[in-house]
Amino acid sequence: MSFARRLRGLAFRLPVITLAVAAALALVGSSRIGAGLASWLVAILPVDPQSADPVDAVTVAATLAILAIGLFRRKRLARRLAIATFGAAALGQAVALHHPLGAALAVACVVGLARSGGRYRVESDRGLRRVSIVAAVAGVAILVAGSVGNDAIAAAPVGSPLDVLASSLMAGLDGLDPTGIFVPERAQGIFEALELAARLAVLVAAFGILRADPDRPPPNLLERYRELARRNARGALAPFQLGGDKLLFALPSGDGVIAYGRAGREAIVLGDPIGNPRDAWRTFRAFDGRCRTGDVEVGVYQASEAGRAELEELGFRTFKIGEEAIVDLVGFELSGSRRANLRHTVTRAERGGIEVTWRPNGLADAEAARLLPALRIIDAEWRRRHGPRMGFTIGEFGGIDLTSVGIALALEPDGRPAAFATFRRTDGDAWVLDLLRRRSGATPGAIEAAVARAAVSMARAGDRQLSLGLVALAGLTPHAGPAESRLLAVAVRLVRPVYDVAGLLFFKNKFAPRWEPRYAAVRGRLGALGYVIAVLRLHLAPALPSRGRETPALRPDSGG
């Protein structure tokens, strides 16, 4: 590594480390250990971490920590506020406190930030940017006014404007009395309130740094995105990529579309990009660049083997998250040894009186009206046994129009529904299994009979393929693969009470499918935890309280 490159790296890290250390010491400065460290760092750090007031300590620590995080995320607004902070610290250390080492370190941080502006390309929320700047200016103004007023009430000489500004800024940064001069008790409370208001204003300014920069595409472009997705989406994830809970991104030209969900700062792309490979991956690169500029972390859920190779070329870290079961329908029958277990289960159910009705185009209106109450009861019972409503890659019964999706009904001899399965078309000759529901106490094998008879009917109608969906955490081993996959393999045992991987594998293996691996993709190991939390939030979104607002989609990158 060249000396110039190391110097640039130091210029980037020095302000972050300085702010982080000062924040930590501000938080623990009142303790015995913190006070001991602070006593010899007071002349070195640009910001004095000592404060006896816990409120002052918390506000100062929070402000400095947020600035450090913002710089680490390469936020432009964080750089501007950090330059202002270190500039104020340099002035205060040189003029008010006469600490040459602290002033020199502050100047070094300012120079480093000024010379490394090209590293800071991440934007913050546009609306909050203005709020942050106004709050920061207001906080400094309050401190200066408080310092002048304090001197006036105490009948002390105000001093030069430079002295007033320096002492005021150091008070705001350090949580100290701006003058150290005794003032009447009645006035002291006023100035303490002003100081607190100033620090809170600066803290609000700092919080504006961490908010991501969301954009909303114009309605005419959004409709174009949806049309592109409807025209080009393929594969088992296509119906879910087109779901109303997904956000879309596309470029002004080309057929590529990105379908994704947002959870906090995470944008989770569902499956491979939509469209022909050339346009699709060009669009993904633009989407990734746009997200990084907007302080949004990109992850991919259920990438294919081909998608995995593309993602690794783009610098993503990939790891296996499960396997998808795919049934080839050409010549699909229940006869033969491969599906003997399934055939015996279906035969036993049919001997018990189960009769399966397959409706590839959905239920007729009158049929749906008659059966819907019983199906709702089955769905409610199922969710009580198997957990809350889920989304993202799992259909929700309340959101499905039973007159427009394929549905297989397993009926008891008295006509009551015992179980049902819903299916969605993915291509002209392919399907994906969506919902599986069985009534408590129903004839054993009813749900297998519903899926099996639907698959036989699909095959006889000339359909090519049926996906039984992903079995998350399947096919993982704690002894091989990336660290993330090994950790997920260990997690299989922990989640067994709520998610039975072995049971799902046993059920789907009855249909003798072929298994294809599916992958997650993140930017480095540090992004894995945020990715997992985001995926869980997106799947559990239907069961979580709604905040009553839509997460804006990202605007297309006009640069292509």
Protein backbone atom coordinates (compact mmCIF):
# COMPACT_ATOMS: atom_id res chain seq x y z
CA MET A 1 0.00 0.00 0.00
CA SER A 2 1.44 3.40 -1.02
CA PHE A 3 2.16 6.13 1.51
CA ALA A 4 -0.36 8.46 -0.16
CA ARG A 5 -3.09 5.83 0.12
CA ARG A 6 -2.32 5.23 3.78
CA LEU A 7 -2.44 8.96 4.39
CA ARG A 8 -5.87 9.19 2.75
CA GLY A 9 -7.04 6.30 4.90
CA LEU A 10 -5.81 8.05 8.03
CA ALA A 11 -7.53 11.27 6.98
CA PHE A 12 -10.81 9.29 6.77
CA ARG A 13 -10.39 7.39 10.04
CA LEU A 14 -8.96 10.10 12.30
CA PRO A 15 -12.18 12.18 12.67
CA VAL A 16 -14.26 9.02 13.18
CA ILE A 17 -11.96 7.67 15.89
CA THR A 18 -11.65 11.06 17.59
CA LEU A 19 -15.42 11.57 17.75
CA ALA A 20 -16.05 8.00 18.90
CA VAL A 21 -13.50 8.24 21.73
CA ALA A 22 -14.86 11.62 22.83
CA ALA A 23 -18.44 10.26 22.78
CA ALA A 24 -17.48 7.24 24.88
CA LEU A 25 -15.63 9.36 27.43
CA ALA A 26 -18.48 11.88 27.58
CA LEU A 27 -20.83 9.05 28.48
CA VAL A 28 -18.63 7.53 31.19
CA GLY A 29 -16.82 10.73 32.19
CA SER A 30 -18.58 10.95 35.54
CA SER A 31 -17.36 7.49 36.57
CA ARG A 32 -14.03 6.97 38.33
CA ILE A 33 -12.41 5.27 35.32
CA GLY A 34 -13.85 7.78 32.86
CA ALA A 35 -12.73 10.73 34.95
CA GLY A 36 -9.21 9.30 35.13
CA LEU A 37 -8.97 8.89 31.38
CA ALA A 38 -10.54 12.28 30.74
CA SER A 39 -8.09 14.05 33.05
CA TRP A 40 -5.14 13.36 30.77
CA LEU A 41 -7.06 13.42 27.49
CA VAL A 42 -8.56 16.85 28.15
CA ALA A 43 -5.57 18.60 26.60
CA ILE A 44 -5.45 16.26 23.58
CA LEU A 45 -9.05 15.67 22.48
CA PRO A 46 -10.64 18.56 20.58
CA VAL A 47 -13.79 18.04 22.66
CA ASP A 48 -13.51 17.96 26.46
CA PRO A 49 -15.35 14.78 27.55
CA GLN A 50 -15.79 15.84 31.19
CA SER A 51 -19.24 16.81 32.41
CA ALA A 52 -20.78 16.51 35.83
CA ASP A 53 -24.34 16.88 34.56
CA PRO A 54 -25.72 13.53 33.30
CA VAL A 55 -28.12 15.26 30.87
CA ASP A 56 -25.24 17.21 29.38
CA ALA A 57 -23.13 14.06 29.19
CA VAL A 58 -25.85 12.08 27.37
CA THR A 59 -26.65 14.83 24.83
CA VAL A 60 -22.99 15.49 24.06
CA ALA A 61 -22.20 11.76 23.81
CA ALA A 62 -25.19 11.11 21.54
CA THR A 63 -24.34 14.02 19.26
CA LEU A 64 -20.71 13.00 18.89
CA ALA A 65 -21.58 9.31 18.40
CA ILE A 66 -24.09 10.13 15.66
CA LEU A 67 -21.51 12.30 13.92
CA ALA A 68 -19.00 9.43 14.09
CA ILE A 69 -21.53 6.96 12.66
CA GLY A 70 -22.45 9.41 9.91
CA LEU A 71 -18.81 9.83 8.92
CA PHE A 72 -18.31 6.06 8.95
CA ARG A 73 -21.29 5.75 6.56
CA ARG A 74 -19.67 8.41 4.34
CA LYS A 75 -22.56 10.86 4.69
CA ARG A 76 -22.07 14.26 3.12
CA LEU A 77 -24.10 16.04 5.79
CA ALA A 78 -22.02 14.36 8.52
CA ARG A 79 -18.86 15.66 6.89
CA ARG A 80 -20.20 19.23 6.81
CA LEU A 81 -21.33 19.15 10.43
CA ALA A 82 -18.07 17.47 11.50
CA ILE A 83 -16.04 20.20 9.79
CA ALA A 84 -18.12 22.77 11.69
CA THR A 85 -17.68 20.82 14.95
CA PHE A 86 -13.92 20.43 14.63
CA GLY A 87 -13.60 24.02 13.44
CA ALA A 88 -15.44 25.22 16.55
CA ALA A 89 -13.33 22.89 18.69
CA ALA A 90 -10.10 24.23 17.18
CA LEU A 91 -11.21 27.80 17.90
CA GLY A 92 -12.28 26.95 21.44
CA GLN A 93 -9.16 24.94 22.25
CA ALA A 94 -6.84 27.65 20.90
CA VAL A 95 -8.60 30.79 22.18
CA ALA A 96 -10.67 29.78 25.22
CA LEU A 97 -8.83 26.80 26.72
CA HIS A 98 -5.28 27.34 25.38
CA HIS A 99 -4.74 23.66 24.58
CA PRO A 100 -2.38 23.56 21.57
CA LEU A 101 -2.51 19.76 21.16
CA GLY A 102 -6.32 19.71 21.14
CA ALA A 103 -6.40 22.59 18.68
CA ALA A 104 -3.82 20.86 16.45
CA LEU A 105 -5.83 17.60 16.42
CA ALA A 106 -9.00 19.50 15.58
CA VAL A 107 -7.25 21.30 12.72
CA ALA A 108 -5.88 17.96 11.46
CA CYS A 109 -9.42 16.56 11.44
CA VAL A 110 -10.73 19.59 9.55
CA VAL A 111 -7.95 19.31 6.95
CA GLY A 112 -8.53 15.57 6.58
CA LEU A 113 -12.26 16.03 6.09
CA ALA A 114 -11.72 18.89 3.65
CA ARG A 115 -9.27 16.89 1.52
CA SER A 116 -11.31 13.67 1.45
CA GLY A 117 -14.58 15.11 0.21
CA GLY A 118 -14.74 12.58 -2.64
CA ARG A 119 -15.24 9.76 -0.13
CA TYR A 120 -18.45 11.28 1.20
CA ARG A 121 -21.11 10.66 -1.44
CA VAL A 122 -23.98 9.34 0.67
CA GLU A 123 -26.95 11.67 0.99
CA SER A 124 -29.29 12.15 3.93
CA ASP A 125 -33.02 12.80 3.81
CA ARG A 126 -33.46 16.03 1.85
CA GLY A 127 -36.08 17.49 4.14
CA LEU A 128 -34.07 16.69 7.26
CA ARG A 129 -30.94 18.20 5.73
CA ARG A 130 -32.53 21.65 5.97
CA VAL A 131 -33.81 20.92 9.46
CA SER A 132 -30.36 19.80 10.56
CA ILE A 133 -28.63 22.91 9.26
CA VAL A 134 -31.25 25.23 10.78
CA ALA A 135 -31.07 23.37 14.12
CA ALA A 136 -27.27 23.52 14.20
CA VAL A 137 -27.23 27.27 13.47
CA ALA A 138 -29.98 27.85 16.04
CA GLY A 139 -28.08 25.89 18.67
CA VAL A 140 -24.91 27.92 18.17
CA ALA A 141 -26.90 31.19 18.18
CA ILE A 142 -28.56 30.25 21.48
CA LEU A 143 -25.17 29.44 23.05
CA VAL A 144 -23.65 32.75 21.91
CA ALA A 145 -26.68 34.72 23.12
CA GLY A 146 -26.63 32.86 26.43
CA SER A 147 -22.96 33.57 26.94
CA VAL A 148 -23.39 37.30 26.24
CA GLY A 149 -26.47 37.49 28.47
CA ASN A 150 -24.71 35.60 31.24
CA ASP A 151 -21.84 38.08 31.18
CA ALA A 152 -24.23 41.03 31.13
CA ILE A 153 -26.22 39.82 34.17
CA ALA A 154 -23.05 39.06 36.09
CA ALA A 155 -21.72 42.55 35.22
CA ALA A 156 -18.63 40.95 33.76
CA PRO A 157 -16.80 42.27 30.69
CA VAL A 158 -18.16 40.61 27.60
CA GLY A 159 -14.79 40.30 25.96
CA SER A 160 -13.94 40.17 22.28
CA PRO A 161 -16.35 38.56 19.79
CA LEU A 162 -13.77 35.81 19.25
CA ASP A 163 -13.62 35.05 22.97
CA VAL A 164 -17.43 34.97 23.23
CA LEU A 165 -17.77 32.67 20.23
CA ALA A 166 -15.01 30.35 21.41
CA SER A 167 -16.33 29.97 24.95
CA SER A 168 -19.89 29.52 23.71
CA LEU A 169 -18.95 26.82 21.22
CA MET A 170 -16.87 24.95 23.77
CA ALA A 171 -19.81 25.09 26.18
CA GLY A 172 -22.07 23.51 23.63
CA LEU A 173 -19.56 20.83 22.72
CA ASP A 174 -18.41 20.02 26.24
CA GLY A 175 -21.47 20.55 28.39
CA LEU A 176 -19.73 23.22 30.48
CA ASP A 177 -20.82 26.59 31.89
CA PRO A 178 -19.87 29.04 29.10
CA THR A 179 -18.33 31.58 31.48
CA GLY A 180 -17.70 29.91 34.79
CA ILE A 181 -18.82 33.19 36.40
CA PHE A 182 -21.35 33.18 39.22
CA VAL A 183 -24.74 34.55 38.24
CA PRO A 184 -27.87 34.94 40.37
CA GLU A 185 -29.76 31.72 41.02
CA ARG A 186 -32.87 33.09 39.26
CA ALA A 187 -30.90 33.71 36.07
CA GLN A 188 -28.90 30.51 36.35
CA GLY A 189 -31.97 28.40 35.65
CA ILE A 190 -32.72 30.42 32.51
CA PHE A 191 -29.22 29.94 31.14
CA GLU A 192 -29.20 26.25 31.96
CA ALA A 193 -32.47 25.91 30.04
CA LEU A 194 -30.96 27.81 27.11
CA GLU A 195 -27.90 25.56 27.13
CA LEU A 196 -30.07 22.45 27.17
CA ALA A 197 -32.19 23.83 24.31
CA ALA A 198 -29.04 24.55 22.32
CA ARG A 199 -27.66 21.06 22.84
CA LEU A 200 -30.97 19.48 21.96
CA ALA A 201 -31.04 21.57 18.77
CA VAL A 202 -27.58 20.32 17.84
CA LEU A 203 -28.66 16.76 18.70
CA VAL A 204 -31.66 17.11 16.36
CA ALA A 205 -29.26 18.33 13.68
CA ALA A 206 -27.11 15.24 14.22
CA PHE A 207 -30.08 12.86 13.98
CA GLY A 208 -30.84 14.27 10.54
CA ILE A 209 -27.58 12.71 9.37
CA LEU A 210 -28.68 9.11 9.86
CA ARG A 211 -31.97 9.27 7.96
CA ALA A 212 -31.70 7.67 4.51
CA ASP A 213 -32.60 9.69 1.40
CA PRO A 214 -35.89 8.29 0.02
CA ASP A 215 -37.18 9.20 -3.44
CA ARG A 216 -40.55 8.59 -5.03
CA PRO A 217 -40.83 8.03 -8.80
CA PRO A 218 -43.44 10.05 -10.71
CA PRO A 219 -46.75 8.14 -11.15
CA ASN A 220 -46.27 7.78 -14.91
CA LEU A 221 -42.88 6.09 -14.40
CA LEU A 222 -44.24 3.85 -11.64
CA GLU A 223 -46.91 2.54 -14.01
CA ARG A 224 -44.21 1.86 -16.59
CA TYR A 225 -42.25 -0.12 -13.99
CA ARG A 226 -45.30 -2.24 -13.21
CA GLU A 227 -45.96 -2.93 -16.88
CA LEU A 228 -42.33 -3.96 -17.43
CA ALA A 229 -42.49 -6.27 -14.41
CA ARG A 230 -45.78 -7.85 -15.53
CA ARG A 231 -44.39 -8.44 -19.02
CA ASN A 232 -40.99 -9.84 -18.03
CA ALA A 233 -41.32 -11.53 -14.62
CA ARG A 234 -40.58 -15.27 -14.77
CA GLY A 235 -40.06 -18.10 -12.32
CA ALA A 236 -41.57 -19.13 -9.01
CA LEU A 237 -41.03 -15.70 -7.45
CA ALA A 238 -42.82 -13.79 -10.23
CA PRO A 239 -46.24 -13.55 -8.50
CA PHE A 240 -44.56 -12.25 -5.36
CA GLN A 241 -42.33 -9.80 -7.25
CA LEU A 242 -45.55 -8.34 -8.66
CA GLY A 243 -47.19 -8.14 -5.22
CA GLY A 244 -48.59 -4.90 -3.90
CA ASP A 245 -46.08 -4.87 -1.03
CA LYS A 246 -43.12 -4.60 -3.44
CA LEU A 247 -41.37 -1.46 -4.62
CA LEU A 248 -40.01 -1.27 -8.14
CA PHE A 249 -36.98 0.34 -9.77
CA ALA A 250 -36.17 0.65 -13.47
CA LEU A 251 -34.04 2.74 -15.78
CA PRO A 252 -35.44 5.09 -18.44
CA SER A 253 -34.50 2.55 -21.12
CA GLY A 254 -34.31 -1.23 -21.23
CA ASP A 255 -36.46 -4.04 -19.87
CA GLY A 256 -34.79 -4.54 -16.48
CA VAL A 257 -36.81 -4.14 -13.29
CA ILE A 258 -35.83 -4.57 -9.64
CA ALA A 259 -38.55 -5.74 -7.20
CA TYR A 260 -37.67 -5.14 -3.58
CA GLY A 261 -38.94 -4.49 -0.08
CA ARG A 262 -37.75 -1.80 2.33
CA ALA A 263 -37.16 -2.34 6.04
CA GLY A 264 -35.37 0.60 7.61
CA ARG A 265 -32.10 1.19 5.78
CA GLU A 266 -32.26 -2.22 4.09
CA ALA A 267 -33.55 -2.76 0.55
CA ILE A 268 -34.10 -6.49 0.06
CA VAL A 269 -34.26 -7.44 -3.61
CA LEU A 270 -36.50 -10.46 -4.19
CA GLY A 271 -34.89 -12.98 -6.50
CA ASP A 272 -32.83 -12.21 -9.59
CA PRO A 273 -33.47 -8.95 -11.46
CA ILE A 274 -36.44 -9.09 -13.84
CA GLY A 275 -35.89 -8.93 -17.62
CA ASN A 276 -33.32 -10.11 -20.13
CA PRO A 277 -30.00 -10.69 -18.34
CA ARG A 278 -28.13 -7.78 -19.95
CA ASP A 279 -30.76 -5.16 -19.09
CA ALA A 280 -31.62 -6.78 -15.77
CA TRP A 281 -28.10 -6.66 -14.34
CA ARG A 282 -27.44 -3.19 -15.78
CA THR A 283 -30.53 -2.07 -13.88
CA PHE A 284 -29.35 -3.84 -10.73
CA ARG A 285 -25.99 -2.05 -10.88
CA ALA A 286 -27.78 1.30 -11.19
CA PHE A 287 -30.10 0.38 -8.32
CA ASP A 288 -27.17 -0.63 -6.11
CA GLY A 289 -25.36 2.62 -6.87
CA ARG A 290 -28.49 4.69 -6.20
CA CYS A 291 -29.04 2.92 -2.88
CA ARG A 292 -25.46 3.40 -1.76
CA THR A 293 -25.71 7.12 -2.52
CA GLY A 294 -28.96 7.24 -0.53
CA ASP A 295 -27.49 5.38 2.49
CA VAL A 296 -29.54 2.26 1.80
CA GLU A 297 -27.99 -1.20 2.21
CA VAL A 298 -28.83 -3.63 -0.60
CA GLY A 299 -29.39 -7.33 0.01
CA VAL A 300 -30.79 -10.08 -2.19
CA TYR A 301 -33.14 -12.83 -1.06
CA GLN A 302 -33.46 -16.10 -3.00
CA ALA A 303 -30.92 -15.45 -5.75
CA SER A 304 -30.47 -18.33 -8.19
CA GLU A 305 -27.19 -20.09 -8.94
CA ALA A 306 -26.72 -17.90 -12.03
CA GLY A 307 -27.63 -14.79 -10.03
CA ARG A 308 -25.12 -15.74 -7.37
CA ALA A 309 -22.26 -15.62 -9.88
CA GLU A 310 -23.31 -12.15 -11.08
CA LEU A 311 -23.62 -10.84 -7.53
CA GLU A 312 -20.18 -12.09 -6.54
CA GLU A 313 -18.70 -10.30 -9.57
CA LEU A 314 -20.31 -7.11 -8.25
CA GLY A 315 -18.59 -7.56 -4.88
CA PHE A 316 -21.46 -9.07 -2.90
CA ARG A 317 -20.91 -11.81 -0.36
CA THR A 318 -23.28 -14.74 -0.98
CA PHE A 319 -24.34 -17.65 1.19
CA LYS A 320 -26.90 -20.40 0.88
CA ILE A 321 -30.21 -19.88 2.69
CA GLY A 322 -32.22 -22.91 1.58
CA GLU A 323 -33.45 -25.01 -1.33
CA GLU A 324 -36.43 -24.74 -3.66
CA ALA A 325 -38.42 -27.87 -4.52
CA ILE A 326 -39.33 -28.06 -8.23
CA VAL A 327 -41.55 -30.78 -9.68
CA ASP A 328 -41.23 -31.53 -13.40
CA LEU A 329 -44.80 -32.08 -14.57
CA VAL A 330 -44.04 -33.73 -17.91
CA GLY A 331 -45.32 -37.26 -17.40
CA PHE A 332 -46.14 -36.62 -13.74
CA GLU A 333 -48.17 -39.50 -12.24
CA LEU A 334 -48.57 -41.07 -8.81
CA SER A 335 -47.62 -44.52 -10.07
CA GLY A 336 -44.12 -45.90 -9.71
CA SER A 337 -41.70 -46.25 -6.83
CA ARG A 338 -40.50 -42.61 -6.75
CA ARG A 339 -43.82 -41.36 -5.36
CA ALA A 340 -44.97 -44.52 -3.59
CA ASN A 341 -45.22 -42.71 -0.21
CA LEU A 342 -47.34 -39.94 -1.76
CA ARG A 343 -49.56 -42.47 -3.58
CA HIS A 344 -50.26 -44.40 -0.36
CA THR A 345 -51.10 -41.16 1.51
CA VAL A 346 -53.49 -39.98 -1.22
CA THR A 347 -55.12 -43.42 -1.53
CA ARG A 348 -55.74 -43.55 2.23
CA ALA A 349 -57.30 -40.07 2.17
CA GLU A 350 -59.57 -40.95 -0.74
CA ARG A 351 -60.64 -44.16 0.94
CA GLY A 352 -61.59 -41.99 3.90
CA GLY A 353 -64.01 -40.13 1.63
CA ILE A 354 -61.85 -37.18 0.50
CA GLU A 355 -62.70 -35.84 -2.93
CA VAL A 356 -60.48 -33.23 -4.60
CA THR A 357 -61.86 -30.47 -6.80
CA TRP A 358 -59.33 -28.58 -8.95
CA ARG A 359 -60.15 -25.10 -10.24
CA PRO A 360 -57.21 -23.81 -12.34
CA ASN A 361 -58.96 -20.48 -13.02
CA GLY A 362 -60.31 -19.97 -9.51
CA LEU A 363 -63.70 -20.55 -7.95
CA ALA A 364 -66.86 -19.34 -9.59
CA ASP A 365 -68.47 -16.38 -7.80
CA ALA A 366 -71.31 -18.42 -6.35
CA GLU A 367 -68.93 -21.22 -5.30
CA ALA A 368 -66.57 -18.75 -3.65
CA ALA A 369 -69.42 -17.10 -1.73
CA ARG A 370 -70.61 -20.50 -0.47
CA LEU A 371 -67.19 -21.81 0.58
CA LEU A 372 -65.50 -18.64 1.81
CA PRO A 373 -66.80 -18.74 5.44
CA ALA A 374 -65.53 -22.31 5.94
CA LEU A 375 -62.18 -21.50 4.30
CA ARG A 376 -61.75 -18.48 6.56
CA ILE A 377 -62.26 -20.68 9.62
CA ILE A 378 -59.66 -23.15 8.33
CA ASP A 379 -57.19 -20.33 7.71
CA ALA A 380 -57.73 -18.87 11.21
CA GLU A 381 -57.24 -22.29 12.82
CA TRP A 382 -54.11 -22.90 10.78
CA ARG A 383 -52.55 -19.59 11.80
CA ARG A 384 -53.29 -20.24 15.47
CA ARG A 385 -51.34 -23.48 15.21
CA HIS A 386 -48.54 -22.36 12.89
CA GLY A 387 -47.89 -18.71 13.74
CA PRO A 388 -48.83 -15.21 12.57
CA ARG A 389 -49.72 -13.97 9.13
CA MET A 390 -46.73 -13.56 6.85
CA GLY A 391 -45.94 -11.85 3.59
CA PHE A 392 -43.16 -10.94 1.13
CA THR A 393 -42.79 -14.46 -0.36
CA ILE A 394 -45.81 -16.01 1.36
CA GLY A 395 -49.39 -15.37 0.26
CA GLU A 396 -51.93 -14.08 2.73
CA PHE A 397 -55.39 -15.64 2.65
CA GLY A 398 -57.13 -12.33 3.24
CA GLY A 399 -55.31 -10.80 0.27
CA ILE A 400 -56.10 -13.52 -2.28
CA ASP A 401 -58.97 -13.39 -4.74
CA LEU A 402 -60.12 -17.03 -4.84
CA THR A 403 -61.83 -16.41 -8.17
CA SER A 404 -58.52 -15.60 -9.90
CA VAL A 405 -55.98 -18.11 -8.53
CA GLY A 406 -55.75 -21.86 -8.98
CA ILE A 407 -57.24 -23.68 -6.02
CA ALA A 408 -57.47 -27.37 -5.07
CA LEU A 409 -60.20 -28.20 -2.54
CA ALA A 410 -60.20 -31.41 -0.56
CA LEU A 411 -63.82 -32.05 0.52
CA GLU A 412 -65.11 -34.42 3.19
CA PRO A 413 -68.01 -36.79 2.31
CA ASP A 414 -70.47 -34.26 3.79
CA GLY A 415 -69.12 -31.51 1.50
CA ARG A 416 -67.17 -29.62 4.17
CA PRO A 417 -63.68 -28.43 3.13
CA ALA A 418 -60.99 -30.53 4.82
CA ALA A 419 -58.04 -28.76 3.25
CA PHE A 420 -57.15 -26.50 0.35
CA ALA A 421 -54.10 -25.35 -1.58
CA THR A 422 -53.75 -22.29 -3.78
CA PHE A 423 -51.45 -21.97 -6.79
CA ARG A 424 -50.28 -19.07 -8.94
CA ARG A 425 -49.16 -19.14 -12.53
CA THR A 426 -45.54 -18.08 -13.01
CA ASP A 427 -45.24 -18.54 -16.78
CA GLY A 428 -47.71 -19.73 -19.37
CA ASP A 429 -47.01 -23.37 -18.46
CA ALA A 430 -45.67 -23.21 -14.90
CA TRP A 431 -47.11 -22.85 -11.40
CA VAL A 432 -45.98 -22.15 -7.86
CA LEU A 433 -47.66 -23.49 -4.73
CA ASP A 434 -48.76 -20.65 -2.46
CA LEU A 435 -51.07 -21.42 0.49
CA LEU A 436 -51.53 -24.77 2.22
CA ARG A 437 -54.30 -25.06 4.82
CA ARG A 438 -55.87 -28.04 6.60
CA ARG A 439 -58.77 -28.09 9.03
CA SER A 440 -58.03 -29.39 12.50
CA GLY A 441 -59.36 -32.96 12.76
CA ALA A 442 -59.69 -33.40 8.98
CA THR A 443 -59.16 -36.76 7.30
CA PRO A 444 -55.39 -37.54 7.27
CA GLY A 445 -53.74 -37.02 3.90
CA ALA A 446 -56.27 -34.43 2.69
CA ILE A 447 -53.64 -31.76 2.04
CA GLU A 448 -51.35 -34.16 0.15
CA ALA A 449 -54.33 -35.26 -1.92
CA ALA A 450 -55.18 -31.65 -2.83
CA VAL A 451 -51.65 -30.88 -4.06
CA ALA A 452 -51.13 -34.25 -5.79
CA ARG A 453 -54.41 -34.19 -7.73
CA ALA A 454 -53.76 -30.58 -8.76
CA ALA A 455 -50.30 -31.58 -10.02
CA VAL A 456 -51.72 -34.51 -12.01
CA SER A 457 -54.31 -32.20 -13.60
CA MET A 458 -51.62 -29.63 -14.44
CA ALA A 459 -49.51 -32.32 -16.12
CA ARG A 460 -52.46 -33.59 -18.18
CA ALA A 461 -53.21 -30.01 -19.25
CA GLY A 462 -49.70 -29.72 -20.68
CA ASP A 463 -48.11 -27.63 -17.93
CA ARG A 464 -44.37 -27.99 -17.57
CA GLN A 465 -43.38 -27.26 -13.98
CA LEU A 466 -44.67 -26.81 -10.43
CA SER A 467 -42.58 -25.14 -7.75
CA LEU A 468 -43.39 -26.22 -4.21
CA GLY A 469 -41.48 -23.17 -2.94
CA LEU A 470 -38.42 -22.61 -0.82
CA VAL A 471 -37.59 -24.58 2.29
CA ALA A 472 -35.58 -21.96 4.15
CA LEU A 473 -32.54 -23.34 6.02
CA ALA A 474 -32.68 -26.64 4.10
CA GLY A 475 -29.49 -28.20 2.80
CA LEU A 476 -27.21 -26.33 5.21
CA THR A 477 -24.41 -27.90 7.21
CA PRO A 478 -22.49 -26.46 10.17
CA HIS A 479 -19.29 -28.06 8.82
CA ALA A 480 -18.94 -26.43 5.38
CA GLY A 481 -19.70 -23.27 3.46
CA PRO A 482 -19.47 -19.58 4.38
CA ALA A 483 -19.70 -18.61 8.04
CA GLU A 484 -23.22 -17.23 7.55
CA SER A 485 -24.51 -20.54 6.18
CA ARG A 486 -22.86 -22.46 9.01
CA LEU A 487 -24.52 -20.19 11.58
CA LEU A 488 -27.89 -20.66 9.87
CA ALA A 489 -27.38 -24.43 10.00
CA VAL A 490 -26.92 -24.17 13.76
CA ALA A 491 -30.06 -21.99 13.95
CA VAL A 492 -32.14 -24.86 12.47
CA ARG A 493 -32.16 -26.53 15.89
CA LEU A 494 -33.08 -23.32 17.69
CA VAL A 495 -36.11 -22.52 15.50
CA ARG A 496 -37.46 -26.07 15.40
CA PRO A 497 -40.36 -25.34 17.80
CA VAL A 498 -41.73 -22.67 15.42
CA TYR A 499 -40.31 -23.73 12.05
CA ASP A 500 -39.95 -27.44 11.30
CA VAL A 501 -37.40 -27.69 8.49
CA ALA A 502 -37.34 -31.50 8.63
CA GLY A 503 -41.15 -31.68 8.45
CA LEU A 504 -41.29 -29.44 5.37
CA LEU A 505 -38.56 -31.45 3.67
CA PHE A 506 -40.41 -34.70 4.40
CA PHE A 507 -43.69 -33.30 3.01
CA LYS A 508 -42.17 -31.92 -0.20
CA ASN A 509 -39.93 -34.95 -0.80
CA LYS A 510 -43.09 -37.03 -1.20
CA PHE A 511 -43.49 -35.38 -4.63
CA ALA A 512 -39.95 -36.42 -5.71
CA PRO A 513 -38.86 -32.92 -6.71
CA ARG A 514 -35.48 -31.73 -7.77
CA TRP A 515 -33.87 -29.34 -5.31
CA GLU A 516 -32.21 -26.09 -6.41
CA PRO A 517 -30.14 -23.96 -4.02
CA ARG A 518 -31.14 -20.38 -3.28
CA TYR A 519 -28.81 -17.72 -1.95
CA ALA A 520 -28.65 -14.51 0.04
CA ALA A 521 -26.32 -11.67 -0.94
CA VAL A 522 -25.00 -8.89 1.31
CA ARG A 523 -22.23 -6.29 1.22
CA GLY A 524 -19.69 -7.88 3.56
CA ARG A 525 -20.06 -9.85 6.77
CA LEU A 526 -21.06 -6.81 8.82
CA GLY A 527 -24.20 -6.51 6.72
CA ALA A 528 -25.47 -10.03 7.47
CA LEU A 529 -27.19 -9.22 10.77
CA GLY A 530 -29.08 -6.23 9.36
CA TYR A 531 -30.04 -8.35 6.37
CA VAL A 532 -31.51 -11.15 8.49
CA ILE A 533 -33.49 -8.65 10.60
CA ALA A 534 -34.81 -6.93 7.46
CA VAL A 535 -35.91 -10.22 5.87
CA LEU A 536 -37.75 -11.19 9.06
CA ARG A 537 -39.43 -7.76 9.25
CA LEU A 538 -40.61 -8.01 5.64
CA HIS A 539 -42.05 -11.50 6.12
CA LEU A 540 -43.74 -10.54 9.40
CA ALA A 541 -45.05 -7.19 8.08
CA PRO A 542 -48.71 -8.38 7.80
CA ALA A 543 -48.68 -9.30 11.49
CA LEU A 544 -47.04 -6.05 12.63
CA PRO A 545 -48.95 -2.83 13.38
CA SER A 546 -49.21 -0.65 10.28
CA ARG A 547 -47.61 2.76 10.48
CA GLY A 548 -50.06 4.10 7.96
CA ARG A 549 -47.50 5.28 5.44
CA GLU A 550 -45.92 3.87 2.34
CA THR A 551 -42.18 3.59 2.01
CA PRO A 552 -41.22 5.62 -1.05
CA ALA A 553 -39.60 3.86 -3.97
CA LEU A 554 -36.33 4.94 -5.46
CA ARG A 555 -36.19 7.24 -8.46
CA PRO A 556 -34.53 5.94 -11.66
CA ASP A 557 -30.93 6.82 -12.27
CA SER A 558 -31.14 9.05 -15.31
CA GLY A 559 -27.51 8.43 -16.03
CA GLY A 560 -28.27 4.79 -16.99
